Amino acid sequence: MNISEPRGKPLPPAVVVIVLILVSAVTLVTAGYFGPGVRAVDPRVTMEFEGGAIRKQTPAAPTAIPTAMDGEVARTVERLGEATALAFAASLHGAAEQLRRHPPHTVRDLLAGIAARNLMPPIITPTQDEDVLASPHGTLFVRYRPMPLGVEVIAIGRDPEDGPALLVRIPDEASEKGEAKLYIAGMLGNVQVPAPFAPAAEVIALGWSPEIWRSLK
């Protein structure tokens, strides 16, 4: 996809947003936080462009890799995959709609757009609350900020065996490349959830640890 403009004109802010989100998408697709001996395949989205607009978006079917592991580590990996897939889809859709000058106004609008484009991870289901989704091993809370574009997904396990709470933020507030940031709660219970898009220092002060996305090998 060529997004440059002729004669050296600066890119419009909306296009810059798309670039940042796509960079973040590469981070989510090719990297993750996984313990030793655990493997997974992240979902991918194929997009076709026509006349500067998205003509078609086709999510690839999620691929599961059988593993004998179960318990906290394996379920945390599974929940992290759900949270990153959801955050990626929400960020990409929000950025694409900004480019079309029709940005979603609320979380409800954002999630409705994801569902309409068939980008919602198949194991995630809606609930009665517009910003809350459910998965087999937890609950996901979606936060959305139109300007500047930002998405947070907080994943809370149903039981202690499902692992710690996770927070995926796109883009990271300190990143100039639109990269994602992962925080993991330091306790399984009595988790203090940070305010939406709180500064990193506040998130850490509440007992969440920032983690580095490590490449799969």
N, C-alpha and C. Protein backbone atom coordinates (compact mmCIF):
# COMPACT_ATOMS: atom_id res chain seq x y z
N MET A 1 0.85 -1.20 0.00
CA MET A 1 0.00 0.00 0.00
C MET A 1 0.88 1.24 0.00
N ASN A 2 0.72 2.11 -0.95
CA ASN A 2 1.50 3.33 -1.04
C ASN A 2 0.71 4.48 -0.47
N ILE A 3 1.19 5.07 0.64
CA ILE A 3 0.44 6.15 1.28
C ILE A 3 1.16 7.48 1.14
N SER A 4 2.23 7.51 0.34
CA SER A 4 2.93 8.76 0.17
C SER A 4 2.15 9.69 -0.73
N GLU A 5 2.39 10.98 -0.60
CA GLU A 5 1.74 11.97 -1.44
C GLU A 5 2.77 12.62 -2.35
N PRO A 6 2.38 13.08 -3.52
CA PRO A 6 3.35 13.66 -4.46
C PRO A 6 3.84 15.01 -4.00
N ARG A 7 5.00 15.39 -4.56
CA ARG A 7 5.58 16.72 -4.37
C ARG A 7 5.93 17.01 -2.92
N GLY A 8 6.19 15.95 -2.13
CA GLY A 8 6.69 16.16 -0.79
C GLY A 8 5.71 16.75 0.19
N LYS A 9 4.41 16.68 -0.07
CA LYS A 9 3.45 17.24 0.86
C LYS A 9 3.40 16.37 2.12
N PRO A 10 3.21 16.96 3.30
CA PRO A 10 3.12 16.16 4.51
C PRO A 10 1.87 15.31 4.51
N LEU A 11 1.97 14.15 5.14
CA LEU A 11 0.81 13.27 5.23
C LEU A 11 -0.23 13.86 6.16
N PRO A 12 -1.51 13.74 5.83
CA PRO A 12 -2.56 14.20 6.73
C PRO A 12 -2.51 13.45 8.04
N PRO A 13 -2.95 14.07 9.14
CA PRO A 13 -2.92 13.40 10.44
C PRO A 13 -3.62 12.06 10.45
N ALA A 14 -4.74 11.95 9.73
CA ALA A 14 -5.47 10.69 9.72
C ALA A 14 -4.64 9.57 9.10
N VAL A 15 -3.86 9.90 8.07
CA VAL A 15 -3.01 8.90 7.43
C VAL A 15 -1.88 8.50 8.37
N VAL A 16 -1.35 9.47 9.10
CA VAL A 16 -0.31 9.17 10.08
C VAL A 16 -0.85 8.19 11.12
N VAL A 17 -2.09 8.39 11.53
CA VAL A 17 -2.71 7.47 12.49
C VAL A 17 -2.74 6.06 11.91
N ILE A 18 -3.13 5.94 10.64
CA ILE A 18 -3.16 4.63 10.00
C ILE A 18 -1.78 3.98 10.03
N VAL A 19 -0.75 4.74 9.72
CA VAL A 19 0.62 4.22 9.72
C VAL A 19 0.98 3.69 11.10
N LEU A 20 0.68 4.47 12.13
CA LEU A 20 1.03 4.07 13.49
C LEU A 20 0.30 2.79 13.89
N ILE A 21 -0.98 2.72 13.55
CA ILE A 21 -1.74 1.54 13.92
C ILE A 21 -1.25 0.31 13.16
N LEU A 22 -0.88 0.48 11.89
CA LEU A 22 -0.37 -0.65 11.13
C LEU A 22 0.96 -1.13 11.68
N VAL A 23 1.80 -0.20 12.13
CA VAL A 23 3.05 -0.59 12.78
C VAL A 23 2.74 -1.39 14.04
N SER A 24 1.77 -0.90 14.79
CA SER A 24 1.35 -1.62 15.99
C SER A 24 0.81 -3.00 15.64
N ALA A 25 0.09 -3.08 14.53
CA ALA A 25 -0.46 -4.37 14.11
C ALA A 25 0.65 -5.37 13.86
N VAL A 26 1.73 -4.91 13.24
CA VAL A 26 2.86 -5.80 13.00
C VAL A 26 3.41 -6.30 14.32
N THR A 27 3.48 -5.41 15.31
CA THR A 27 3.96 -5.81 16.63
C THR A 27 3.09 -6.91 17.21
N LEU A 28 1.77 -6.76 17.11
CA LEU A 28 0.85 -7.73 17.71
C LEU A 28 0.85 -9.04 16.95
N VAL A 29 1.01 -8.99 15.65
CA VAL A 29 0.97 -10.21 14.85
C VAL A 29 2.24 -11.02 15.01
N THR A 30 3.39 -10.36 15.13
CA THR A 30 4.66 -11.06 15.10
C THR A 30 5.29 -11.23 16.47
N ALA A 31 4.69 -10.67 17.51
CA ALA A 31 5.31 -10.76 18.82
C ALA A 31 4.27 -10.99 19.88
N GLY A 32 4.74 -11.36 21.07
CA GLY A 32 3.82 -11.58 22.18
C GLY A 32 4.57 -11.91 23.43
N TYR A 33 3.84 -12.03 24.54
CA TYR A 33 4.44 -12.36 25.82
C TYR A 33 4.08 -13.80 26.12
N PHE A 34 5.03 -14.70 26.00
CA PHE A 34 4.76 -16.11 26.18
C PHE A 34 5.81 -16.73 27.09
N GLY A 35 5.37 -17.61 27.93
CA GLY A 35 6.29 -18.33 28.80
C GLY A 35 7.03 -19.40 28.02
N PRO A 36 8.07 -20.00 28.64
CA PRO A 36 8.87 -21.02 27.96
C PRO A 36 8.01 -22.21 27.56
N GLY A 37 8.21 -22.69 26.34
CA GLY A 37 7.54 -23.89 25.88
C GLY A 37 6.12 -23.71 25.44
N VAL A 38 5.66 -22.47 25.36
CA VAL A 38 4.28 -22.22 24.97
C VAL A 38 4.26 -21.59 23.60
N ARG A 39 3.43 -22.11 22.70
CA ARG A 39 3.33 -21.58 21.35
C ARG A 39 1.89 -21.22 21.03
N ALA A 40 1.72 -20.21 20.18
CA ALA A 40 0.40 -19.85 19.70
C ALA A 40 0.55 -19.12 18.38
N VAL A 41 -0.55 -19.01 17.63
CA VAL A 41 -0.55 -18.28 16.37
C VAL A 41 -1.54 -17.13 16.48
N ASP A 42 -1.07 -15.92 16.27
CA ASP A 42 -1.95 -14.76 16.35
C ASP A 42 -2.81 -14.65 15.10
N PRO A 43 -4.03 -14.11 15.23
CA PRO A 43 -4.88 -13.93 14.06
C PRO A 43 -4.35 -12.83 13.16
N ARG A 44 -4.62 -12.94 11.88
CA ARG A 44 -4.21 -11.92 10.92
C ARG A 44 -5.42 -11.43 10.16
N VAL A 45 -5.30 -10.24 9.62
CA VAL A 45 -6.40 -9.66 8.86
C VAL A 45 -5.87 -9.26 7.49
N THR A 46 -6.54 -9.71 6.44
CA THR A 46 -6.17 -9.33 5.08
C THR A 46 -7.07 -8.20 4.63
N MET A 47 -6.48 -7.11 4.15
CA MET A 47 -7.25 -5.96 3.72
C MET A 47 -6.98 -5.66 2.26
N GLU A 48 -8.02 -5.29 1.53
CA GLU A 48 -7.90 -4.87 0.15
C GLU A 48 -8.37 -3.43 0.05
N PHE A 49 -7.61 -2.59 -0.63
CA PHE A 49 -7.92 -1.18 -0.74
C PHE A 49 -8.33 -0.85 -2.18
N GLU A 50 -9.28 0.06 -2.27
CA GLU A 50 -9.74 0.50 -3.58
C GLU A 50 -10.12 1.97 -3.49
N GLY A 51 -9.42 2.80 -4.22
CA GLY A 51 -9.73 4.23 -4.19
C GLY A 51 -9.49 4.87 -2.83
N GLY A 52 -8.51 4.34 -2.07
CA GLY A 52 -8.18 4.91 -0.78
C GLY A 52 -9.08 4.42 0.34
N ALA A 53 -10.07 3.56 0.04
CA ALA A 53 -10.99 3.07 1.07
C ALA A 53 -10.82 1.56 1.20
N ILE A 54 -11.14 1.05 2.38
CA ILE A 54 -11.07 -0.38 2.58
C ILE A 54 -12.25 -1.03 1.88
N ARG A 55 -11.97 -1.91 0.92
CA ARG A 55 -13.03 -2.59 0.17
C ARG A 55 -13.40 -3.92 0.82
N LYS A 56 -12.42 -4.56 1.40
CA LYS A 56 -12.68 -5.88 1.97
C LYS A 56 -11.70 -6.16 3.08
N GLN A 57 -12.20 -6.73 4.17
CA GLN A 57 -11.35 -7.15 5.28
C GLN A 57 -11.73 -8.57 5.63
N THR A 58 -10.78 -9.46 5.55
CA THR A 58 -11.06 -10.87 5.80
C THR A 58 -10.17 -11.38 6.91
N PRO A 59 -10.73 -11.68 8.08
CA PRO A 59 -9.90 -12.23 9.16
C PRO A 59 -9.61 -13.70 8.89
N ALA A 60 -8.35 -14.06 9.11
CA ALA A 60 -8.01 -15.46 8.96
C ALA A 60 -8.54 -16.24 10.15
N ALA A 61 -8.88 -17.49 9.90
CA ALA A 61 -9.39 -18.32 10.98
C ALA A 61 -8.29 -18.55 12.00
N PRO A 62 -8.59 -18.40 13.30
CA PRO A 62 -7.56 -18.60 14.31
C PRO A 62 -7.05 -20.03 14.28
N THR A 63 -5.73 -20.16 14.44
CA THR A 63 -5.11 -21.47 14.41
C THR A 63 -4.67 -21.87 15.80
N ALA A 64 -5.14 -22.99 16.26
CA ALA A 64 -4.77 -23.47 17.59
C ALA A 64 -3.67 -24.50 17.46
N ILE A 65 -2.70 -24.43 18.34
CA ILE A 65 -1.63 -25.41 18.38
C ILE A 65 -1.84 -26.27 19.61
N PRO A 66 -2.09 -27.55 19.43
CA PRO A 66 -2.36 -28.41 20.58
C PRO A 66 -1.22 -28.36 21.59
N THR A 67 -1.54 -28.35 22.86
CA THR A 67 -0.54 -28.33 23.91
C THR A 67 -1.05 -29.14 25.08
N ALA A 68 -0.12 -29.82 25.75
CA ALA A 68 -0.48 -30.63 26.90
C ALA A 68 -0.60 -29.76 28.15
N MET A 69 -0.21 -28.50 28.05
CA MET A 69 -0.21 -27.63 29.21
C MET A 69 -1.61 -27.09 29.47
N ASP A 70 -1.91 -26.95 30.74
CA ASP A 70 -3.14 -26.29 31.15
C ASP A 70 -2.83 -25.59 32.46
N GLY A 71 -3.78 -24.80 32.91
CA GLY A 71 -3.53 -24.07 34.14
C GLY A 71 -3.21 -22.62 33.86
N GLU A 72 -2.60 -21.97 34.83
CA GLU A 72 -2.43 -20.52 34.80
C GLU A 72 -1.64 -20.04 33.59
N VAL A 73 -0.49 -20.67 33.30
CA VAL A 73 0.36 -20.19 32.21
C VAL A 73 -0.34 -20.31 30.87
N ALA A 74 -0.87 -21.51 30.58
CA ALA A 74 -1.52 -21.73 29.29
C ALA A 74 -2.75 -20.85 29.11
N ARG A 75 -3.53 -20.69 30.17
CA ARG A 75 -4.73 -19.86 30.07
C ARG A 75 -4.39 -18.38 29.96
N THR A 76 -3.31 -17.97 30.61
CA THR A 76 -2.88 -16.58 30.46
C THR A 76 -2.48 -16.28 29.02
N VAL A 77 -1.77 -17.23 28.41
CA VAL A 77 -1.38 -17.08 27.00
C VAL A 77 -2.62 -16.97 26.11
N GLU A 78 -3.60 -17.83 26.37
CA GLU A 78 -4.83 -17.81 25.58
C GLU A 78 -5.57 -16.49 25.75
N ARG A 79 -5.65 -16.00 26.97
CA ARG A 79 -6.35 -14.74 27.24
C ARG A 79 -5.61 -13.57 26.63
N LEU A 80 -4.28 -13.64 26.65
CA LEU A 80 -3.50 -12.57 26.03
C LEU A 80 -3.73 -12.53 24.53
N GLY A 81 -3.83 -13.70 23.91
CA GLY A 81 -4.13 -13.74 22.48
C GLY A 81 -5.47 -13.11 22.17
N GLU A 82 -6.47 -13.38 23.02
CA GLU A 82 -7.79 -12.79 22.84
C GLU A 82 -7.73 -11.26 22.96
N ALA A 83 -7.04 -10.79 24.00
CA ALA A 83 -6.98 -9.35 24.26
C ALA A 83 -6.24 -8.61 23.16
N THR A 84 -5.13 -9.17 22.69
CA THR A 84 -4.36 -8.50 21.64
C THR A 84 -5.11 -8.51 20.31
N ALA A 85 -5.79 -9.63 20.02
CA ALA A 85 -6.57 -9.70 18.78
C ALA A 85 -7.68 -8.66 18.79
N LEU A 86 -8.36 -8.54 19.93
CA LEU A 86 -9.44 -7.56 20.04
C LEU A 86 -8.91 -6.14 19.96
N ALA A 87 -7.79 -5.86 20.66
CA ALA A 87 -7.22 -4.52 20.64
C ALA A 87 -6.75 -4.14 19.23
N PHE A 88 -6.14 -5.09 18.54
CA PHE A 88 -5.67 -4.86 17.17
C PHE A 88 -6.84 -4.54 16.25
N ALA A 89 -7.90 -5.37 16.33
CA ALA A 89 -9.06 -5.16 15.47
C ALA A 89 -9.71 -3.81 15.74
N ALA A 90 -9.86 -3.47 17.02
CA ALA A 90 -10.49 -2.20 17.38
C ALA A 90 -9.65 -1.01 16.91
N SER A 91 -8.35 -1.10 17.09
CA SER A 91 -7.46 0.00 16.67
C SER A 91 -7.45 0.18 15.17
N LEU A 92 -7.38 -0.93 14.45
CA LEU A 92 -7.35 -0.86 12.99
C LEU A 92 -8.65 -0.30 12.45
N HIS A 93 -9.77 -0.77 13.00
CA HIS A 93 -11.07 -0.25 12.54
C HIS A 93 -11.20 1.23 12.87
N GLY A 94 -10.81 1.63 14.08
CA GLY A 94 -10.91 3.04 14.46
C GLY A 94 -10.06 3.93 13.56
N ALA A 95 -8.85 3.47 13.24
CA ALA A 95 -7.97 4.25 12.38
C ALA A 95 -8.53 4.34 10.95
N ALA A 96 -9.05 3.22 10.46
CA ALA A 96 -9.61 3.21 9.10
C ALA A 96 -10.82 4.15 9.00
N GLU A 97 -11.65 4.17 10.04
CA GLU A 97 -12.82 5.04 10.02
C GLU A 97 -12.42 6.51 10.15
N GLN A 98 -11.36 6.78 10.87
CA GLN A 98 -10.86 8.16 10.92
C GLN A 98 -10.39 8.61 9.54
N LEU A 99 -9.75 7.71 8.83
CA LEU A 99 -9.29 8.04 7.48
C LEU A 99 -10.47 8.34 6.57
N ARG A 100 -11.59 7.67 6.80
CA ARG A 100 -12.80 7.90 6.01
C ARG A 100 -13.61 9.08 6.56
N ARG A 101 -13.13 9.70 7.61
CA ARG A 101 -13.79 10.84 8.25
C ARG A 101 -15.12 10.45 8.89
N HIS A 102 -15.21 9.20 9.34
CA HIS A 102 -16.39 8.72 10.06
C HIS A 102 -15.94 7.97 11.32
N PRO A 103 -15.21 8.64 12.20
CA PRO A 103 -14.69 7.93 13.37
C PRO A 103 -15.81 7.47 14.30
N PRO A 104 -15.68 6.30 14.90
CA PRO A 104 -16.66 5.86 15.89
C PRO A 104 -16.69 6.85 17.06
N HIS A 105 -17.87 7.12 17.58
CA HIS A 105 -17.99 8.08 18.68
C HIS A 105 -17.92 7.40 20.04
N THR A 106 -18.34 6.16 20.13
CA THR A 106 -18.40 5.45 21.40
C THR A 106 -17.84 4.04 21.26
N VAL A 107 -17.66 3.38 22.39
CA VAL A 107 -17.23 1.99 22.37
C VAL A 107 -18.26 1.14 21.64
N ARG A 108 -19.55 1.43 21.86
CA ARG A 108 -20.59 0.68 21.17
C ARG A 108 -20.42 0.78 19.65
N ASP A 109 -20.17 2.00 19.16
CA ASP A 109 -19.96 2.18 17.72
C ASP A 109 -18.74 1.40 17.24
N LEU A 110 -17.68 1.46 18.03
CA LEU A 110 -16.44 0.79 17.66
C LEU A 110 -16.64 -0.72 17.55
N LEU A 111 -17.26 -1.32 18.56
CA LEU A 111 -17.46 -2.77 18.56
C LEU A 111 -18.46 -3.19 17.49
N ALA A 112 -19.46 -2.35 17.25
CA ALA A 112 -20.42 -2.66 16.19
C ALA A 112 -19.73 -2.69 14.83
N GLY A 113 -18.81 -1.76 14.63
CA GLY A 113 -18.07 -1.73 13.37
C GLY A 113 -17.18 -2.94 13.20
N ILE A 114 -16.54 -3.37 14.30
CA ILE A 114 -15.70 -4.57 14.24
C ILE A 114 -16.54 -5.79 13.86
N ALA A 115 -17.69 -5.91 14.51
CA ALA A 115 -18.57 -7.04 14.23
C ALA A 115 -19.07 -7.01 12.79
N ALA A 116 -19.41 -5.81 12.30
CA ALA A 116 -19.93 -5.68 10.93
C ALA A 116 -18.88 -6.08 9.90
N ARG A 117 -17.61 -5.83 10.19
CA ARG A 117 -16.53 -6.19 9.28
C ARG A 117 -16.01 -7.61 9.54
N ASN A 118 -16.68 -8.33 10.45
CA ASN A 118 -16.30 -9.71 10.75
C ASN A 118 -14.87 -9.79 11.29
N LEU A 119 -14.50 -8.82 12.11
CA LEU A 119 -13.17 -8.80 12.70
C LEU A 119 -13.17 -9.23 14.17
N MET A 120 -14.32 -9.50 14.74
CA MET A 120 -14.39 -9.90 16.13
C MET A 120 -13.85 -11.33 16.28
N PRO A 121 -12.88 -11.53 17.18
CA PRO A 121 -12.40 -12.90 17.41
C PRO A 121 -13.58 -13.83 17.73
N PRO A 122 -13.65 -15.00 17.12
CA PRO A 122 -14.85 -15.83 17.19
C PRO A 122 -15.20 -16.34 18.58
N ILE A 123 -14.23 -16.45 19.49
CA ILE A 123 -14.53 -16.98 20.81
C ILE A 123 -14.94 -15.88 21.79
N ILE A 124 -14.97 -14.63 21.31
CA ILE A 124 -15.38 -13.51 22.16
C ILE A 124 -16.83 -13.17 21.85
N THR A 125 -17.64 -13.03 22.88
CA THR A 125 -19.06 -12.78 22.70
C THR A 125 -19.48 -11.53 23.45
N PRO A 126 -20.50 -10.81 22.98
CA PRO A 126 -20.98 -9.61 23.66
C PRO A 126 -21.75 -9.94 24.93
N THR A 127 -21.90 -8.94 25.78
CA THR A 127 -22.71 -9.06 26.99
C THR A 127 -23.74 -7.93 26.98
N GLN A 128 -24.48 -7.81 28.06
CA GLN A 128 -25.48 -6.74 28.15
C GLN A 128 -24.84 -5.37 28.26
N ASP A 129 -23.60 -5.31 28.72
CA ASP A 129 -22.89 -4.03 28.83
C ASP A 129 -22.14 -3.74 27.53
N GLU A 130 -22.27 -2.52 27.01
CA GLU A 130 -21.73 -2.22 25.69
C GLU A 130 -20.22 -2.31 25.62
N ASP A 131 -19.51 -2.11 26.73
CA ASP A 131 -18.05 -2.12 26.70
C ASP A 131 -17.46 -3.39 27.30
N VAL A 132 -18.28 -4.40 27.52
CA VAL A 132 -17.83 -5.64 28.16
C VAL A 132 -18.08 -6.82 27.22
N LEU A 133 -17.07 -7.67 27.06
CA LEU A 133 -17.18 -8.86 26.25
C LEU A 133 -16.76 -10.06 27.09
N ALA A 134 -17.18 -11.24 26.68
CA ALA A 134 -16.89 -12.45 27.43
C ALA A 134 -16.10 -13.43 26.58
N SER A 135 -15.26 -14.23 27.24
CA SER A 135 -14.52 -15.29 26.59
C SER A 135 -14.55 -16.51 27.50
N PRO A 136 -14.09 -17.66 27.02
CA PRO A 136 -14.20 -18.88 27.85
C PRO A 136 -13.54 -18.77 29.21
N HIS A 137 -12.46 -18.01 29.31
CA HIS A 137 -11.73 -17.96 30.58
C HIS A 137 -11.67 -16.56 31.19
N GLY A 138 -12.52 -15.65 30.74
CA GLY A 138 -12.44 -14.33 31.33
C GLY A 138 -13.41 -13.33 30.75
N THR A 139 -13.23 -12.10 31.19
CA THR A 139 -14.05 -10.97 30.77
C THR A 139 -13.13 -9.88 30.23
N LEU A 140 -13.55 -9.25 29.14
CA LEU A 140 -12.73 -8.20 28.52
C LEU A 140 -13.49 -6.88 28.54
N PHE A 141 -12.81 -5.84 29.01
CA PHE A 141 -13.37 -4.50 29.08
C PHE A 141 -12.66 -3.63 28.05
N VAL A 142 -13.44 -3.01 27.18
CA VAL A 142 -12.87 -2.21 26.09
C VAL A 142 -13.00 -0.73 26.39
N ARG A 143 -11.91 -0.01 26.24
CA ARG A 143 -11.91 1.44 26.40
C ARG A 143 -11.47 2.08 25.09
N TYR A 144 -12.07 3.17 24.77
CA TYR A 144 -11.82 3.79 23.46
C TYR A 144 -11.75 5.30 23.60
N ARG A 145 -10.75 5.88 22.96
CA ARG A 145 -10.57 7.33 22.93
C ARG A 145 -10.44 7.76 21.47
N PRO A 146 -11.41 8.55 20.96
CA PRO A 146 -11.35 8.93 19.54
C PRO A 146 -10.14 9.80 19.19
N MET A 147 -9.85 10.80 20.01
CA MET A 147 -8.76 11.73 19.68
C MET A 147 -7.95 12.06 20.93
N PRO A 148 -6.63 11.82 20.88
CA PRO A 148 -5.95 11.02 19.86
C PRO A 148 -6.38 9.57 19.99
N LEU A 149 -6.40 8.88 18.88
CA LEU A 149 -6.91 7.53 18.85
C LEU A 149 -6.19 6.64 19.86
N GLY A 150 -6.96 5.95 20.66
CA GLY A 150 -6.39 5.02 21.63
C GLY A 150 -7.39 3.93 21.97
N VAL A 151 -6.89 2.74 22.20
CA VAL A 151 -7.72 1.60 22.60
C VAL A 151 -7.02 0.88 23.74
N GLU A 152 -7.79 0.53 24.74
CA GLU A 152 -7.31 -0.31 25.82
C GLU A 152 -8.25 -1.51 25.97
N VAL A 153 -7.67 -2.65 26.21
CA VAL A 153 -8.45 -3.85 26.53
C VAL A 153 -7.93 -4.40 27.84
N ILE A 154 -8.81 -4.50 28.82
CA ILE A 154 -8.45 -5.09 30.10
C ILE A 154 -9.10 -6.46 30.18
N ALA A 155 -8.29 -7.49 30.38
CA ALA A 155 -8.77 -8.87 30.43
C ALA A 155 -8.65 -9.38 31.86
N ILE A 156 -9.78 -9.78 32.43
CA ILE A 156 -9.81 -10.29 33.79
C ILE A 156 -10.21 -11.77 33.74
N GLY A 157 -9.43 -12.63 34.39
CA GLY A 157 -9.75 -14.05 34.41
C GLY A 157 -10.96 -14.35 35.28
N ARG A 158 -11.65 -15.43 34.96
CA ARG A 158 -12.82 -15.83 35.74
C ARG A 158 -12.41 -16.44 37.08
N ASP A 159 -11.35 -17.22 37.07
CA ASP A 159 -10.87 -17.91 38.26
C ASP A 159 -9.37 -17.67 38.41
N PRO A 160 -8.82 -17.93 39.61
CA PRO A 160 -7.36 -17.76 39.79
C PRO A 160 -6.55 -18.59 38.80
N GLU A 161 -7.07 -19.77 38.40
CA GLU A 161 -6.35 -20.61 37.44
C GLU A 161 -6.28 -19.99 36.05
N ASP A 162 -7.08 -18.97 35.81
CA ASP A 162 -7.06 -18.31 34.50
C ASP A 162 -5.94 -17.28 34.38
N GLY A 163 -5.23 -17.02 35.46
CA GLY A 163 -4.09 -16.13 35.40
C GLY A 163 -4.40 -14.71 35.79
N PRO A 164 -3.38 -13.84 35.79
CA PRO A 164 -3.54 -12.45 36.24
C PRO A 164 -4.29 -11.58 35.24
N ALA A 165 -4.72 -10.44 35.71
CA ALA A 165 -5.36 -9.45 34.83
C ALA A 165 -4.33 -8.89 33.85
N LEU A 166 -4.79 -8.58 32.64
CA LEU A 166 -3.93 -8.07 31.58
C LEU A 166 -4.48 -6.76 31.06
N LEU A 167 -3.60 -5.86 30.66
CA LEU A 167 -4.00 -4.60 30.04
C LEU A 167 -3.19 -4.41 28.77
N VAL A 168 -3.88 -4.36 27.63
CA VAL A 168 -3.23 -4.10 26.35
C VAL A 168 -3.63 -2.70 25.89
N ARG A 169 -2.65 -1.86 25.60
CA ARG A 169 -2.91 -0.48 25.20
C ARG A 169 -2.28 -0.22 23.83
N ILE A 170 -3.06 0.37 22.93
CA ILE A 170 -2.57 0.76 21.61
C ILE A 170 -3.01 2.19 21.31
N PRO A 171 -2.08 3.09 21.05
CA PRO A 171 -0.63 2.91 21.14
C PRO A 171 -0.15 3.19 22.55
N ASP A 172 1.06 2.76 22.84
CA ASP A 172 1.69 3.08 24.11
C ASP A 172 1.91 4.59 24.17
N GLU A 173 1.63 5.19 25.33
CA GLU A 173 1.73 6.64 25.45
C GLU A 173 3.13 7.18 25.19
N ALA A 174 4.17 6.36 25.47
CA ALA A 174 5.54 6.82 25.29
C ALA A 174 6.11 6.48 23.93
N SER A 175 5.32 5.81 23.09
CA SER A 175 5.82 5.36 21.80
C SER A 175 5.59 6.41 20.73
N GLU A 176 6.57 6.58 19.87
CA GLU A 176 6.43 7.45 18.71
C GLU A 176 6.17 6.64 17.45
N LYS A 177 6.02 5.31 17.60
CA LYS A 177 5.83 4.43 16.45
C LYS A 177 4.50 3.69 16.51
N GLY A 178 3.62 4.10 17.39
CA GLY A 178 2.33 3.45 17.46
C GLY A 178 2.37 2.05 18.05
N GLU A 179 3.39 1.74 18.83
CA GLU A 179 3.53 0.40 19.37
C GLU A 179 2.55 0.13 20.50
N ALA A 180 2.28 -1.13 20.72
CA ALA A 180 1.39 -1.55 21.80
C ALA A 180 2.18 -1.67 23.10
N LYS A 181 1.42 -1.67 24.20
CA LYS A 181 2.05 -1.86 25.52
C LYS A 181 1.22 -2.85 26.30
N LEU A 182 1.89 -3.74 27.00
CA LEU A 182 1.24 -4.75 27.82
C LEU A 182 1.59 -4.52 29.28
N TYR A 183 0.56 -4.56 30.13
CA TYR A 183 0.75 -4.52 31.58
C TYR A 183 0.11 -5.78 32.17
N ILE A 184 0.77 -6.36 33.18
CA ILE A 184 0.24 -7.54 33.85
C ILE A 184 0.10 -7.23 35.34
N ALA A 185 -1.07 -7.53 35.89
CA ALA A 185 -1.32 -7.27 37.31
C ALA A 185 -0.42 -8.17 38.16
N GLY A 186 0.09 -7.60 39.25
CA GLY A 186 1.00 -8.35 40.11
C GLY A 186 0.30 -9.29 41.07
N MET A 187 -1.03 -9.21 41.16
CA MET A 187 -1.78 -10.06 42.08
C MET A 187 -2.95 -10.70 41.34
N LEU A 188 -3.31 -11.90 41.78
CA LEU A 188 -4.45 -12.58 41.17
C LEU A 188 -5.78 -12.04 41.68
N GLY A 189 -5.79 -11.54 42.90
CA GLY A 189 -7.01 -11.00 43.49
C GLY A 189 -6.84 -9.57 43.92
N ASN A 190 -7.97 -8.91 44.21
CA ASN A 190 -7.95 -7.51 44.66
C ASN A 190 -7.21 -6.61 43.68
N VAL A 191 -7.46 -6.80 42.41
CA VAL A 191 -6.79 -6.01 41.38
C VAL A 191 -7.39 -4.61 41.33
N GLN A 192 -6.54 -3.60 41.35
CA GLN A 192 -6.98 -2.21 41.20
C GLN A 192 -6.85 -1.82 39.73
N VAL A 193 -7.98 -1.61 39.10
CA VAL A 193 -7.99 -1.28 37.67
C VAL A 193 -7.70 0.21 37.49
N PRO A 194 -6.71 0.57 36.66
CA PRO A 194 -6.38 1.98 36.46
C PRO A 194 -7.47 2.71 35.68
N ALA A 195 -7.48 4.02 35.81
CA ALA A 195 -8.40 4.85 35.04
C ALA A 195 -8.07 4.72 33.55
N PRO A 196 -9.04 4.96 32.69
CA PRO A 196 -8.78 4.85 31.25
C PRO A 196 -7.60 5.70 30.79
N PHE A 197 -6.67 5.07 30.11
CA PHE A 197 -5.50 5.73 29.52
C PHE A 197 -4.69 6.50 30.58
N ALA A 198 -4.64 5.94 31.77
CA ALA A 198 -3.85 6.56 32.84
C ALA A 198 -2.37 6.52 32.47
N PRO A 199 -1.60 7.51 32.92
CA PRO A 199 -0.16 7.49 32.65
C PRO A 199 0.48 6.21 33.19
N ALA A 200 1.56 5.80 32.56
CA ALA A 200 2.23 4.56 32.95
C ALA A 200 2.59 4.55 34.43
N ALA A 201 3.02 5.68 34.95
CA ALA A 201 3.41 5.73 36.37
C ALA A 201 2.23 5.38 37.28
N GLU A 202 1.03 5.81 36.91
CA GLU A 202 -0.14 5.51 37.72
C GLU A 202 -0.50 4.03 37.61
N VAL A 203 -0.38 3.48 36.42
CA VAL A 203 -0.68 2.06 36.23
C VAL A 203 0.27 1.21 37.07
N ILE A 204 1.53 1.54 37.02
CA ILE A 204 2.54 0.79 37.78
C ILE A 204 2.31 0.94 39.28
N ALA A 205 1.93 2.13 39.71
CA ALA A 205 1.70 2.38 41.13
C ALA A 205 0.55 1.53 41.67
N LEU A 206 -0.36 1.11 40.80
CA LEU A 206 -1.49 0.28 41.21
C LEU A 206 -1.15 -1.21 41.21
N GLY A 207 0.11 -1.52 40.94
CA GLY A 207 0.54 -2.92 41.02
C GLY A 207 0.63 -3.65 39.70
N TRP A 208 0.58 -2.92 38.59
CA TRP A 208 0.70 -3.53 37.27
C TRP A 208 2.14 -3.40 36.78
N SER A 209 2.66 -4.46 36.16
CA SER A 209 4.03 -4.45 35.66
C SER A 209 4.05 -4.33 34.14
N PRO A 210 4.81 -3.38 33.61
CA PRO A 210 4.94 -3.30 32.14
C PRO A 210 5.80 -4.46 31.64
N GLU A 211 5.38 -5.05 30.54
CA GLU A 211 6.10 -6.19 29.98
C GLU A 211 6.51 -5.88 28.55
N ILE A 212 7.56 -6.54 28.11
CA ILE A 212 8.09 -6.36 26.76
C ILE A 212 7.52 -7.46 25.86
N TRP A 213 7.07 -7.06 24.66
CA TRP A 213 6.61 -8.04 23.68
C TRP A 213 7.83 -8.79 23.15
N ARG A 214 7.86 -10.10 23.39
CA ARG A 214 9.01 -10.88 22.97
C ARG A 214 8.67 -11.72 21.75
N SER A 215 9.60 -11.77 20.80
CA SER A 215 9.33 -12.47 19.54
C SER A 215 9.15 -13.96 19.78
N LEU A 216 8.28 -14.56 18.98
CA LEU A 216 8.09 -16.00 19.04
C LEU A 216 9.25 -16.71 18.37
N LYS A 217 9.70 -17.79 19.00
CA LYS A 217 10.81 -18.56 18.43
C LYS A 217 10.49 -20.04 18.49
